[in-house]
Each structure stands twice: as structure tokens, then as C-alpha cells.
Amino acid sequence: MKAWFEEVSKASWTQPSDIKAQYGSASILKNRRVVFNIKGNDYRLIVAIAYRLQVVYVKFVGTHKQYDEVDAETVEMV
């Protein structure tokens, strides 16, 4: 997670294809959401991205099993 955070802090994504160029295994969803595989797909990270503001909002962090139990397009951190 720390390595991902450091890389994303330096990124300047303007569209989903920028993310796919850097993270080929990322899944682009509706509503500006993206799913990242962390630690060899042991964990999943769902974020929403405000491209114009260059802000990434964390919506979910969990194991692959926990990810299977949520709707990636609507889940919110609580």
C-alpha cells in the first residue's frame, strides 16, 4: 500500500487510459472508479478519481475475499 501511495502521489492521470498504462492489471469501472490489485492480488483497493482535481478517494481496502462481498461500483468506506 505504501509503494502504491507513493507512486499515485506522483501520478498525473487525466483519463483511465493513463492508469492502465501504469497499472495494466487495474480494472476501470463506472463512476470514475478503479480497482487495483495489491500484493499479488491478495488485497483489493477500490478508488474513485477526480481527474481534473487530481484527487484519489479511497472507497474500499480489503482482502480478495472481502472484495467479493461488496459492489465495487457503489461501496463506500465507513
C-alpha atoms as a PDB file:
ATOM      1  CA  MET A   1       0.000   0.000   0.000  1.00  0.00           C
ATOM      2  CA  LYS A   2       2.810   2.385   0.859  1.00  0.00           C
ATOM      3  CA  ALA A   3       4.500   1.846  -2.515  1.00  0.00           C
ATOM      4  CA  TRP A   4       1.164   2.324  -4.314  1.00  0.00           C
ATOM      5  CA  PHE A   5       0.516   5.546  -2.369  1.00  0.00           C
ATOM      6  CA  GLU A   6       3.939   6.934  -3.246  1.00  0.00           C
ATOM      7  CA  GLU A   7       3.503   6.125  -6.941  1.00  0.00           C
ATOM      8  CA  VAL A   8      -0.001   7.594  -7.076  1.00  0.00           C
ATOM      9  CA  SER A   9       1.114  10.739  -5.256  1.00  0.00           C
ATOM     10  CA  LYS A  10       3.463  11.429  -8.168  1.00  0.00           C
ATOM     11  CA  ALA A  11       0.997  10.458 -10.917  1.00  0.00           C
ATOM     12  CA  SER A  12      -0.903  12.959 -13.031  1.00  0.00           C
ATOM     13  CA  TRP A  13      -3.672  10.883 -14.555  1.00  0.00           C
ATOM     14  CA  THR A  14      -6.093  12.721 -16.809  1.00  0.00           C
ATOM     15  CA  GLN A  15      -8.069   9.713 -18.061  1.00  0.00           C
ATOM     16  CA  PRO A  16      -8.492   5.996 -17.396  1.00  0.00           C
ATOM     17  CA  SER A  17      -6.010   5.022 -20.109  1.00  0.00           C
ATOM     18  CA  ASP A  18      -3.258   6.786 -18.126  1.00  0.00           C
ATOM     19  CA  ILE A  19      -3.952   4.427 -15.220  1.00  0.00           C
ATOM     20  CA  LYS A  20      -3.970   1.349 -17.472  1.00  0.00           C
ATOM     21  CA  ALA A  21      -0.619   2.423 -18.931  1.00  0.00           C
ATOM     22  CA  GLN A  22       0.903   2.486 -15.440  1.00  0.00           C
ATOM     23  CA  TYR A  23      -1.080  -0.388 -13.893  1.00  0.00           C
ATOM     24  CA  GLY A  24      -2.042  -2.897 -16.563  1.00  0.00           C
ATOM     25  CA  SER A  25      -3.937  -5.093 -14.112  1.00  0.00           C
ATOM     26  CA  ALA A  26      -6.134  -2.251 -12.844  1.00  0.00           C
ATOM     27  CA  SER A  27      -9.842  -2.590 -13.616  1.00  0.00           C
ATOM     28  CA  ILE A  28     -11.625   0.524 -14.822  1.00  0.00           C
ATOM     29  CA  LEU A  29     -15.246   0.701 -13.631  1.00  0.00           C
ATOM     30  CA  LYS A  30     -18.130   3.150 -13.979  1.00  0.00           C
ATOM     31  CA  ASN A  31     -18.357   6.322 -11.885  1.00  0.00           C
ATOM     32  CA  ARG A  32     -14.621   7.095 -12.201  1.00  0.00           C
ATOM     33  CA  ARG A  33     -13.831   4.026 -10.083  1.00  0.00           C
ATOM     34  CA  VAL A  34     -10.760   1.866 -10.406  1.00  0.00           C
ATOM     35  CA  VAL A  35      -9.831  -1.434  -8.747  1.00  0.00           C
ATOM     36  CA  PHE A  36      -6.160  -2.077  -8.012  1.00  0.00           C
ATOM     37  CA  ASN A  37      -4.659  -5.443  -7.112  1.00  0.00           C
ATOM     38  CA  ILE A  38      -2.312  -5.113  -4.154  1.00  0.00           C
ATOM     39  CA  LYS A  39       0.382  -7.605  -3.104  1.00  0.00           C
ATOM     40  CA  GLY A  40      -0.095 -10.061  -5.929  1.00  0.00           C
ATOM     41  CA  ASN A  41      -3.886  -9.797  -5.800  1.00  0.00           C
ATOM     42  CA  ASP A  42      -4.057 -10.744  -2.091  1.00  0.00           C
ATOM     43  CA  TYR A  43      -5.754  -7.395  -1.476  1.00  0.00           C
ATOM     44  CA  ARG A  44      -8.026  -5.144  -3.484  1.00  0.00           C
ATOM     45  CA  LEU A  45      -8.216  -1.379  -3.402  1.00  0.00           C
ATOM     46  CA  ILE A  46     -11.166   0.496  -4.876  1.00  0.00           C
ATOM     47  CA  VAL A  47     -10.807   4.211  -5.502  1.00  0.00           C
ATOM     48  CA  ALA A  48     -12.759   6.988  -7.179  1.00  0.00           C
ATOM     49  CA  ILE A  49     -10.731   9.514  -9.120  1.00  0.00           C
ATOM     50  CA  ALA A  50     -11.460  13.189  -9.712  1.00  0.00           C
ATOM     51  CA  TYR A  51      -9.229  13.608 -12.752  1.00  0.00           C
ATOM     52  CA  ARG A  52      -9.493  17.401 -13.055  1.00  0.00           C
ATOM     53  CA  LEU A  53      -8.684  17.900  -9.362  1.00  0.00           C
ATOM     54  CA  GLN A  54      -6.017  15.155  -9.357  1.00  0.00           C
ATOM     55  CA  VAL A  55      -7.596  13.613  -6.241  1.00  0.00           C
ATOM     56  CA  VAL A  56      -7.958   9.903  -5.443  1.00  0.00           C
ATOM     57  CA  TYR A  57     -10.656   8.886  -2.968  1.00  0.00           C
ATOM     58  CA  VAL A  58     -10.270   5.502  -1.269  1.00  0.00           C
ATOM     59  CA  LYS A  59     -13.602   3.673  -1.265  1.00  0.00           C
ATOM     60  CA  PHE A  60     -12.535   0.204  -0.094  1.00  0.00           C
ATOM     61  CA  VAL A  61      -9.467  -1.697   1.066  1.00  0.00           C
ATOM     62  CA  GLY A  62      -9.729  -5.398   1.843  1.00  0.00           C
ATOM     63  CA  THR A  63      -8.765  -8.934   1.085  1.00  0.00           C
ATOM     64  CA  HIS A  64      -9.769 -10.579  -2.144  1.00  0.00           C
ATOM     65  CA  LYS A  65     -12.457 -12.496  -0.222  1.00  0.00           C
ATOM     66  CA  GLN A  66     -13.847  -9.284   1.310  1.00  0.00           C
ATOM     67  CA  TYR A  67     -13.823  -7.660  -2.128  1.00  0.00           C
ATOM     68  CA  ASP A  68     -16.011 -10.457  -3.459  1.00  0.00           C
ATOM     69  CA  GLU A  69     -18.656  -9.451  -0.895  1.00  0.00           C
ATOM     70  CA  VAL A  70     -19.006  -5.790  -1.974  1.00  0.00           C
ATOM     71  CA  ASP A  71     -20.312  -3.968  -5.023  1.00  0.00           C
ATOM     72  CA  ALA A  72     -17.227  -2.205  -6.369  1.00  0.00           C
ATOM     73  CA  GLU A  73     -19.314   0.417  -8.152  1.00  0.00           C
ATOM     74  CA  THR A  74     -21.130   1.611  -5.007  1.00  0.00           C
ATOM     75  CA  VAL A  75     -19.082   0.634  -1.933  1.00  0.00           C
ATOM     76  CA  GLU A  76     -18.069   3.442   0.444  1.00  0.00           C
ATOM     77  CA  MET A  77     -15.604   3.415   3.336  1.00  0.00           C
ATOM     78  CA  VAL A  78     -17.324   3.623   6.705  1.00  0.00           C
END
